[in-house]
Amino acid sequence: MIKKLKTLAILTGPQGSGNHLWSKIFSLHQDVYGWKSLLDNYWEAHRYSEPFAACWRDPSLLKQFDFSTHDYFFTSISVPLGIASKGTKWCPNIKDFGLAARERGLNVEIFVIGRDQTILNNQQTRIREENTTRHFLDALSAIQESFPTPRFLSYELLYLYKQEYLKSLNIGIPIAWYDKRVNQILERDANEKYINYVKDNPLDDGNKTGVPFLWDPNHPDANKPLTKDTDHAYDEGSNGKCC
């Protein structure tokens, strides 16, 4: 009988892309060794309470980590961490961490989280004083040298489809998509504070009437005439039903 390997799911991404959010979701299941203390707090500092924090600083410490307690383990990290002006900025080595875990005999799964790039830029500039996504893109290239097919997770899809999205995921560890705390965790979309309502847009007329746009009307240099070849005010292709 072949002994089943223990699994370590490693979740990573740019600063501000939902590291804490995903950590809560994937730590819910009772069979997963994850960031359980985060479930009792809205936010905690990674360096103080994430179970693998010390190992992220020194992946060789994984040799001493007790993997006998569970079959499924979860950890997460952003790249980079810290703030340059405070002297705390550093880039965790995802590749070395994953290889060190693999040497312990674990099945290692890598997951990359993402969020709207404009929101990331605004959030990182506000908190980190610069756009730091470039550092993660460099790290991703290094990760793929040893883990060529990481899987990608969407912040926006998680909020939009919630449990249905979680049920669709296969990350190598059980997901408690049915836990009532999922709705509590996803109650407020943190993207809202970055979004402003747009009263109208040049493309609205085309959407309503079927007018073709030869150029992008949202582009600042698109001061070109639009050709209208419809003779009706609104699109008449509907049968009056939604389906």
C-alpha atoms as a PDB file:
ATOM      1  CA  MET A   1       0.000   0.000   0.000  1.00  0.00           C
ATOM      2  CA  ILE A   2       1.418   3.369  -1.039  1.00  0.00           C
ATOM      3  CA  LYS A   3       1.524   5.845   1.815  1.00  0.00           C
ATOM      4  CA  LYS A   4      -0.222   9.113   1.011  1.00  0.00           C
ATOM      5  CA  LEU A   5       2.015  12.167   1.146  1.00  0.00           C
ATOM      6  CA  LYS A   6       1.181  15.009   3.469  1.00  0.00           C
ATOM      7  CA  THR A   7       0.335  18.209   1.608  1.00  0.00           C
ATOM      8  CA  LEU A   8       1.545  21.738   2.191  1.00  0.00           C
ATOM      9  CA  ALA A   9      -0.383  24.430   0.318  1.00  0.00           C
ATOM     10  CA  ILE A  10       1.642  27.616  -0.115  1.00  0.00           C
ATOM     11  CA  LEU A  11      -0.300  30.736  -1.003  1.00  0.00           C
ATOM     12  CA  THR A  12       1.526  33.837  -2.163  1.00  0.00           C
ATOM     13  CA  GLY A  13       1.038  37.030  -4.136  1.00  0.00           C
ATOM     14  CA  PRO A  14       1.740  40.767  -4.221  1.00  0.00           C
ATOM     15  CA  GLN A  15       1.289  42.869  -1.113  1.00  0.00           C
ATOM     16  CA  GLY A  16      -2.347  43.797  -0.627  1.00  0.00           C
ATOM     17  CA  SER A  17      -3.798  41.049  -2.802  1.00  0.00           C
ATOM     18  CA  GLY A  18      -5.767  39.356  -0.013  1.00  0.00           C
ATOM     19  CA  ASN A  19      -3.227  37.265   1.865  1.00  0.00           C
ATOM     20  CA  HIS A  20      -5.088  37.542   5.173  1.00  0.00           C
ATOM     21  CA  LEU A  21      -8.468  36.993   3.539  1.00  0.00           C
ATOM     22  CA  TRP A  22      -7.423  33.745   1.857  1.00  0.00           C
ATOM     23  CA  SER A  23      -5.590  32.611   4.991  1.00  0.00           C
ATOM     24  CA  LYS A  24      -8.846  32.793   6.938  1.00  0.00           C
ATOM     25  CA  ILE A  25     -10.752  30.876   4.271  1.00  0.00           C
ATOM     26  CA  PHE A  26      -8.198  28.069   3.971  1.00  0.00           C
ATOM     27  CA  SER A  27      -7.647  27.768   7.729  1.00  0.00           C
ATOM     28  CA  LEU A  28     -11.322  27.086   8.481  1.00  0.00           C
ATOM     29  CA  HIS A  29     -11.255  23.328   7.950  1.00  0.00           C
ATOM     30  CA  GLN A  30     -10.568  21.338  11.111  1.00  0.00           C
ATOM     31  CA  ASP A  31      -8.238  18.953   9.292  1.00  0.00           C
ATOM     32  CA  VAL A  32      -5.977  21.764   8.059  1.00  0.00           C
ATOM     33  CA  TYR A  33      -3.067  23.073  10.076  1.00  0.00           C
ATOM     34  CA  GLY A  34      -3.264  26.756   9.218  1.00  0.00           C
ATOM     35  CA  TRP A  35      -3.393  30.260  10.637  1.00  0.00           C
ATOM     36  CA  LYS A  36      -6.092  29.440  13.196  1.00  0.00           C
ATOM     37  CA  SER A  37      -5.530  32.477  15.455  1.00  0.00           C
ATOM     38  CA  LEU A  38      -6.423  34.762  12.542  1.00  0.00           C
ATOM     39  CA  LEU A  39      -9.966  33.385  12.669  1.00  0.00           C
ATOM     40  CA  ASP A  40     -10.455  35.160  16.003  1.00  0.00           C
ATOM     41  CA  ASN A  41      -9.116  38.518  14.820  1.00  0.00           C
ATOM     42  CA  TYR A  42      -9.794  40.716  11.814  1.00  0.00           C
ATOM     43  CA  TRP A  43      -6.041  41.182  11.272  1.00  0.00           C
ATOM     44  CA  GLU A  44      -2.758  39.989  12.739  1.00  0.00           C
ATOM     45  CA  ALA A  45       0.853  40.660  11.845  1.00  0.00           C
ATOM     46  CA  HIS A  46       2.310  37.793   9.832  1.00  0.00           C
ATOM     47  CA  ARG A  47       5.681  38.000  11.528  1.00  0.00           C
ATOM     48  CA  TYR A  48       4.178  37.419  14.984  1.00  0.00           C
ATOM     49  CA  SER A  49       1.493  34.780  14.594  1.00  0.00           C
ATOM     50  CA  GLU A  50       1.578  32.996  11.217  1.00  0.00           C
ATOM     51  CA  PRO A  51       2.601  29.420  12.155  1.00  0.00           C
ATOM     52  CA  PHE A  52       5.436  29.252   9.610  1.00  0.00           C
ATOM     53  CA  ALA A  53       6.694  32.832  10.096  1.00  0.00           C
ATOM     54  CA  ALA A  54      10.122  31.803  11.410  1.00  0.00           C
ATOM     55  CA  CYS A  55      10.538  29.279   8.610  1.00  0.00           C
ATOM     56  CA  TRP A  56       9.850  31.941   6.012  1.00  0.00           C
ATOM     57  CA  ARG A  57      12.833  33.864   7.347  1.00  0.00           C
ATOM     58  CA  ASP A  58      14.922  30.700   7.348  1.00  0.00           C
ATOM     59  CA  PRO A  59      13.498  27.807   5.300  1.00  0.00           C
ATOM     60  CA  SER A  60      16.072  25.424   6.815  1.00  0.00           C
ATOM     61  CA  LEU A  61      13.960  25.531  10.002  1.00  0.00           C
ATOM     62  CA  LEU A  62      11.414  23.352   8.233  1.00  0.00           C
ATOM     63  CA  LYS A  63      13.724  20.452   9.127  1.00  0.00           C
ATOM     64  CA  GLN A  64      12.621  20.961  12.743  1.00  0.00           C
ATOM     65  CA  PHE A  65       8.934  21.623  12.071  1.00  0.00           C
ATOM     66  CA  ASP A  66       6.514  19.046  13.463  1.00  0.00           C
ATOM     67  CA  PHE A  67       4.501  17.717  10.524  1.00  0.00           C
ATOM     68  CA  SER A  68       3.159  14.734  12.471  1.00  0.00           C
ATOM     69  CA  THR A  69       0.000  16.476  13.716  1.00  0.00           C
ATOM     70  CA  HIS A  70      -1.940  16.772  10.453  1.00  0.00           C
ATOM     71  CA  ASP A  71      -2.078  15.530   6.878  1.00  0.00           C
ATOM     72  CA  TYR A  72      -2.816  18.974   5.469  1.00  0.00           C
ATOM     73  CA  PHE A  73      -0.897  22.180   6.090  1.00  0.00           C
ATOM     74  CA  PHE A  74      -1.426  25.713   4.851  1.00  0.00           C
ATOM     75  CA  THR A  75       0.832  28.753   4.876  1.00  0.00           C
ATOM     76  CA  SER A  76       0.855  32.110   3.136  1.00  0.00           C
ATOM     77  CA  ILE A  77       3.239  34.976   2.478  1.00  0.00           C
ATOM     78  CA  SER A  78       3.305  38.208   0.503  1.00  0.00           C
ATOM     79  CA  VAL A  79       6.217  39.365  -1.626  1.00  0.00           C
ATOM     80  CA  PRO A  80       7.722  41.647  -0.571  1.00  0.00           C
ATOM     81  CA  LEU A  81       7.071  42.284   3.119  1.00  0.00           C
ATOM     82  CA  GLY A  82       7.792  45.482   5.014  1.00  0.00           C
ATOM     83  CA  ILE A  83       8.488  49.070   3.980  1.00  0.00           C
ATOM     84  CA  ALA A  84      11.741  50.271   2.426  1.00  0.00           C
ATOM     85  CA  SER A  85      11.852  53.625   4.248  1.00  0.00           C
ATOM     86  CA  LYS A  86      11.487  51.807   7.590  1.00  0.00           C
ATOM     87  CA  GLY A  87      14.314  49.411   6.770  1.00  0.00           C
ATOM     88  CA  THR A  88      11.958  46.420   7.020  1.00  0.00           C
ATOM     89  CA  LYS A  89      11.454  45.521   3.355  1.00  0.00           C
ATOM     90  CA  TRP A  90      12.507  42.009   2.348  1.00  0.00           C
ATOM     91  CA  CYS A  91      11.501  39.402  -0.223  1.00  0.00           C
ATOM     92  CA  PRO A  92      10.702  35.904   1.076  1.00  0.00           C
ATOM     93  CA  ASN A  93      12.134  33.137  -1.094  1.00  0.00           C
ATOM     94  CA  ILE A  94       9.117  31.068  -2.135  1.00  0.00           C
ATOM     95  CA  LYS A  95      11.195  28.697  -4.238  1.00  0.00           C
ATOM     96  CA  ASP A  96      13.622  27.812  -1.430  1.00  0.00           C
ATOM     97  CA  PHE A  97      10.773  27.404   1.051  1.00  0.00           C
ATOM     98  CA  GLY A  98       8.907  25.073  -1.286  1.00  0.00           C
ATOM     99  CA  LEU A  99      12.009  23.001  -2.017  1.00  0.00           C
ATOM    100  CA  ALA A 100      12.783  22.715   1.695  1.00  0.00           C
ATOM    101  CA  ALA A 101       9.242  21.455   2.310  1.00  0.00           C
ATOM    102  CA  ARG A 102       9.578  18.996  -0.552  1.00  0.00           C
ATOM    103  CA  GLU A 103      12.790  17.674   1.026  1.00  0.00           C
ATOM    104  CA  ARG A 104      10.734  16.890   4.128  1.00  0.00           C
ATOM    105  CA  GLY A 105       8.668  14.596   1.945  1.00  0.00           C
ATOM    106  CA  LEU A 106       5.654  16.852   1.568  1.00  0.00           C
ATOM    107  CA  ASN A 107       3.558  17.288  -1.528  1.00  0.00           C
ATOM    108  CA  VAL A 108       3.898  21.040  -2.203  1.00  0.00           C
ATOM    109  CA  GLU A 109       1.164  22.996  -3.959  1.00  0.00           C
ATOM    110  CA  ILE A 110       1.750  26.635  -4.943  1.00  0.00           C
ATOM    111  CA  PHE A 111      -1.136  29.092  -5.279  1.00  0.00           C
ATOM    112  CA  VAL A 112      -0.875  32.643  -6.541  1.00  0.00           C
ATOM    113  CA  ILE A 113      -3.484  35.203  -5.529  1.00  0.00           C
ATOM    114  CA  GLY A 114      -4.335  38.309  -7.488  1.00  0.00           C
ATOM    115  CA  ARG A 115      -6.408  41.466  -7.233  1.00  0.00           C
ATOM    116  CA  ASP A 116      -7.253  44.360  -9.543  1.00  0.00           C
ATOM    117  CA  GLN A 117      -3.952  45.949 -10.601  1.00  0.00           C
ATOM    118  CA  THR A 118      -5.142  49.534 -10.076  1.00  0.00           C
ATOM    119  CA  ILE A 119      -6.320  48.752  -6.557  1.00  0.00           C
ATOM    120  CA  LEU A 120      -3.000  47.040  -5.841  1.00  0.00           C
ATOM    121  CA  ASN A 121      -1.119  50.106  -7.035  1.00  0.00           C
ATOM    122  CA  ASN A 122      -3.207  52.437  -4.858  1.00  0.00           C
ATOM    123  CA  GLN A 123      -2.992  50.207  -1.800  1.00  0.00           C
ATOM    124  CA  GLN A 124       0.730  49.568  -2.065  1.00  0.00           C
ATOM    125  CA  THR A 125       1.531  53.239  -2.701  1.00  0.00           C
ATOM    126  CA  ARG A 126      -0.522  54.277   0.333  1.00  0.00           C
ATOM    127  CA  ILE A 127       0.926  51.734   2.751  1.00  0.00           C
ATOM    128  CA  ARG A 128       4.248  50.688   1.231  1.00  0.00           C
ATOM    129  CA  GLU A 129       5.075  54.085  -0.341  1.00  0.00           C
ATOM    130  CA  GLU A 130       5.666  52.471  -3.749  1.00  0.00           C
ATOM    131  CA  ASN A 131       4.225  49.963  -6.185  1.00  0.00           C
ATOM    132  CA  THR A 132       5.825  46.669  -5.148  1.00  0.00           C
ATOM    133  CA  THR A 133       4.106  44.210  -7.506  1.00  0.00           C
ATOM    134  CA  ARG A 134       7.261  44.111  -9.640  1.00  0.00           C
ATOM    135  CA  HIS A 135       9.016  42.215  -6.842  1.00  0.00           C
ATOM    136  CA  PHE A 136       6.388  39.509  -6.838  1.00  0.00           C
ATOM    137  CA  LEU A 137       6.565  39.146 -10.615  1.00  0.00           C
ATOM    138  CA  ASP A 138      10.302  38.524 -10.250  1.00  0.00           C
ATOM    139  CA  ALA A 139       9.600  35.988  -7.504  1.00  0.00           C
ATOM    140  CA  LEU A 140       7.015  34.251  -9.674  1.00  0.00           C
ATOM    141  CA  SER A 141       9.604  33.645 -12.382  1.00  0.00           C
ATOM    142  CA  ALA A 142      11.898  32.039  -9.815  1.00  0.00           C
ATOM    143  CA  ILE A 143       9.062  29.935  -8.371  1.00  0.00           C
ATOM    144  CA  GLN A 144       8.240  28.515 -11.794  1.00  0.00           C
ATOM    145  CA  GLU A 145      11.768  27.187 -12.189  1.00  0.00           C
ATOM    146  CA  SER A 146      10.952  24.448  -9.656  1.00  0.00           C
ATOM    147  CA  PHE A 147       7.155  24.647  -9.530  1.00  0.00           C
ATOM    148  CA  PRO A 148       6.279  25.341 -13.170  1.00  0.00           C
ATOM    149  CA  THR A 149       2.492  25.269 -12.908  1.00  0.00           C
ATOM    150  CA  PRO A 150       1.274  27.244  -9.894  1.00  0.00           C
ATOM    151  CA  ARG A 151      -2.472  27.772  -9.816  1.00  0.00           C
ATOM    152  CA  PHE A 152      -4.018  31.223  -9.712  1.00  0.00           C
ATOM    153  CA  LEU A 153      -6.800  32.420  -7.412  1.00  0.00           C
ATOM    154  CA  SER A 154      -8.934  35.520  -7.880  1.00  0.00           C
ATOM    155  CA  TYR A 155      -9.869  37.957  -5.121  1.00  0.00           C
ATOM    156  CA  GLU A 156     -12.751  39.273  -7.221  1.00  0.00           C
ATOM    157  CA  LEU A 157     -14.169  35.837  -8.056  1.00  0.00           C
ATOM    158  CA  LEU A 158     -14.068  34.867  -4.378  1.00  0.00           C
ATOM    159  CA  TYR A 159     -16.240  37.841  -3.434  1.00  0.00           C
ATOM    160  CA  LEU A 160     -18.543  37.469  -6.421  1.00  0.00           C
ATOM    161  CA  TYR A 161     -19.303  33.735  -6.228  1.00  0.00           C
ATOM    162  CA  LYS A 162     -18.303  32.953  -2.632  1.00  0.00           C
ATOM    163  CA  GLN A 163     -19.088  29.309  -1.745  1.00  0.00           C
ATOM    164  CA  GLU A 164     -19.616  28.323  -5.382  1.00  0.00           C
ATOM    165  CA  TYR A 165     -16.117  29.509  -6.240  1.00  0.00           C
ATOM    166  CA  LEU A 166     -14.619  27.718  -3.242  1.00  0.00           C
ATOM    167  CA  LYS A 167     -16.368  24.472  -4.222  1.00  0.00           C
ATOM    168  CA  SER A 168     -14.703  24.681  -7.640  1.00  0.00           C
ATOM    169  CA  LEU A 169     -11.166  24.863  -6.237  1.00  0.00           C
ATOM    170  CA  ASN A 170      -8.832  21.894  -6.009  1.00  0.00           C
ATOM    171  CA  ILE A 171      -5.873  22.972  -3.911  1.00  0.00           C
ATOM    172  CA  GLY A 172      -4.818  19.654  -2.394  1.00  0.00           C
ATOM    173  CA  ILE A 173      -6.285  20.426   1.032  1.00  0.00           C
ATOM    174  CA  PRO A 174      -9.919  20.305   2.187  1.00  0.00           C
ATOM    175  CA  ILE A 175     -11.854  23.586   2.054  1.00  0.00           C
ATOM    176  CA  ALA A 176     -14.668  24.286   4.516  1.00  0.00           C
ATOM    177  CA  TRP A 177     -16.772  26.142   1.943  1.00  0.00           C
ATOM    178  CA  TYR A 178     -19.898  25.211   3.933  1.00  0.00           C
ATOM    179  CA  ASP A 179     -18.717  26.890   7.150  1.00  0.00           C
ATOM    180  CA  LYS A 180     -21.011  29.736   8.214  1.00  0.00           C
ATOM    181  CA  ARG A 181     -17.938  31.850   8.879  1.00  0.00           C
ATOM    182  CA  VAL A 182     -17.322  32.115   5.121  1.00  0.00           C
ATOM    183  CA  ASN A 183     -20.178  34.615   4.853  1.00  0.00           C
ATOM    184  CA  GLN A 184     -18.833  36.535   7.828  1.00  0.00           C
ATOM    185  CA  ILE A 185     -15.355  36.702   6.322  1.00  0.00           C
ATOM    186  CA  LEU A 186     -16.743  37.883   2.970  1.00  0.00           C
ATOM    187  CA  GLU A 187     -19.375  40.210   4.424  1.00  0.00           C
ATOM    188  CA  ARG A 188     -17.620  43.405   3.359  1.00  0.00           C
ATOM    189  CA  ASP A 189     -15.691  43.709   0.123  1.00  0.00           C
ATOM    190  CA  ALA A 190     -12.547  45.724   0.836  1.00  0.00           C
ATOM    191  CA  ASN A 191     -12.522  46.817  -2.821  1.00  0.00           C
ATOM    192  CA  GLU A 192     -15.482  49.120  -2.212  1.00  0.00           C
ATOM    193  CA  LYS A 193     -13.391  51.934  -0.773  1.00  0.00           C
ATOM    194  CA  TYR A 194     -11.382  52.099  -3.989  1.00  0.00           C
ATOM    195  CA  ILE A 195     -14.395  52.169  -6.341  1.00  0.00           C
ATOM    196  CA  ASN A 196     -16.248  55.320  -7.431  1.00  0.00           C
ATOM    197  CA  TYR A 197     -19.532  55.305  -9.335  1.00  0.00           C
ATOM    198  CA  VAL A 198     -19.295  56.335 -12.990  1.00  0.00           C
ATOM    199  CA  LYS A 199     -22.386  58.328 -14.012  1.00  0.00           C
ATOM    200  CA  ASP A 200     -21.864  57.870 -17.735  1.00  0.00           C
ATOM    201  CA  ASN A 201     -19.303  56.604 -20.210  1.00  0.00           C
ATOM    202  CA  PRO A 202     -18.824  57.209 -23.954  1.00  0.00           C
ATOM    203  CA  LEU A 203     -19.435  53.522 -24.613  1.00  0.00           C
ATOM    204  CA  ASP A 204     -22.903  53.683 -23.071  1.00  0.00           C
ATOM    205  CA  ASP A 205     -24.450  54.916 -26.328  1.00  0.00           C
ATOM    206  CA  GLY A 206     -23.011  51.976 -28.243  1.00  0.00           C
ATOM    207  CA  ASN A 207     -24.220  49.529 -25.618  1.00  0.00           C
ATOM    208  CA  LYS A 208     -27.773  50.883 -25.856  1.00  0.00           C
ATOM    209  CA  THR A 209     -28.061  51.422 -29.599  1.00  0.00           C
ATOM    210  CA  GLY A 210     -25.526  49.169 -31.277  1.00  0.00           C
ATOM    211  CA  VAL A 211     -23.398  52.057 -32.596  1.00  0.00           C
ATOM    212  CA  PRO A 212     -19.947  50.730 -33.584  1.00  0.00           C
ATOM    213  CA  PHE A 213     -16.861  52.370 -32.165  1.00  0.00           C
ATOM    214  CA  LEU A 214     -13.867  52.454 -34.492  1.00  0.00           C
ATOM    215  CA  TRP A 215     -11.596  53.744 -31.728  1.00  0.00           C
ATOM    216  CA  ASP A 216     -11.426  53.418 -27.960  1.00  0.00           C
ATOM    217  CA  PRO A 217     -13.491  56.383 -26.665  1.00  0.00           C
ATOM    218  CA  ASN A 218     -11.920  55.978 -23.206  1.00  0.00           C
ATOM    219  CA  HIS A 219      -8.471  56.765 -24.561  1.00  0.00           C
ATOM    220  CA  PRO A 220      -7.454  60.415 -23.979  1.00  0.00           C
ATOM    221  CA  ASP A 221      -6.247  60.760 -27.575  1.00  0.00           C
ATOM    222  CA  ALA A 222      -9.398  59.323 -29.151  1.00  0.00           C
ATOM    223  CA  ASN A 223     -10.833  62.659 -30.281  1.00  0.00           C
ATOM    224  CA  LYS A 224     -12.142  61.192 -33.492  1.00  0.00           C
ATOM    225  CA  PRO A 225     -15.672  61.222 -34.902  1.00  0.00           C
ATOM    226  CA  LEU A 226     -17.849  58.196 -34.234  1.00  0.00           C
ATOM    227  CA  THR A 227     -19.797  56.682 -37.091  1.00  0.00           C
ATOM    228  CA  LYS A 228     -23.448  55.949 -36.394  1.00  0.00           C
ATOM    229  CA  ASP A 229     -25.058  53.478 -38.742  1.00  0.00           C
ATOM    230  CA  THR A 230     -28.195  52.599 -36.821  1.00  0.00           C
ATOM    231  CA  ASP A 231     -31.562  54.246 -37.361  1.00  0.00           C
ATOM    232  CA  HIS A 232     -33.149  53.442 -34.024  1.00  0.00           C
ATOM    233  CA  ALA A 233     -32.695  54.856 -30.548  1.00  0.00           C
ATOM    234  CA  TYR A 234     -32.220  51.551 -28.723  1.00  0.00           C
ATOM    235  CA  ASP A 235     -31.232  48.005 -29.610  1.00  0.00           C
ATOM    236  CA  GLU A 236     -34.303  46.159 -30.850  1.00  0.00           C
ATOM    237  CA  GLY A 237     -32.798  42.679 -30.825  1.00  0.00           C
ATOM    238  CA  SER A 238     -34.435  41.658 -27.534  1.00  0.00           C
ATOM    239  CA  ASN A 239     -37.572  39.561 -27.214  1.00  0.00           C
ATOM    240  CA  GLY A 240     -38.411  41.382 -23.996  1.00  0.00           C
ATOM    241  CA  LYS A 241     -37.227  38.555 -21.795  1.00  0.00           C
ATOM    242  CA  CYS A 242     -34.096  38.086 -19.722  1.00  0.00           C
ATOM    243  CA  CYS A 243     -33.501  34.577 -20.965  1.00  0.00           C
END
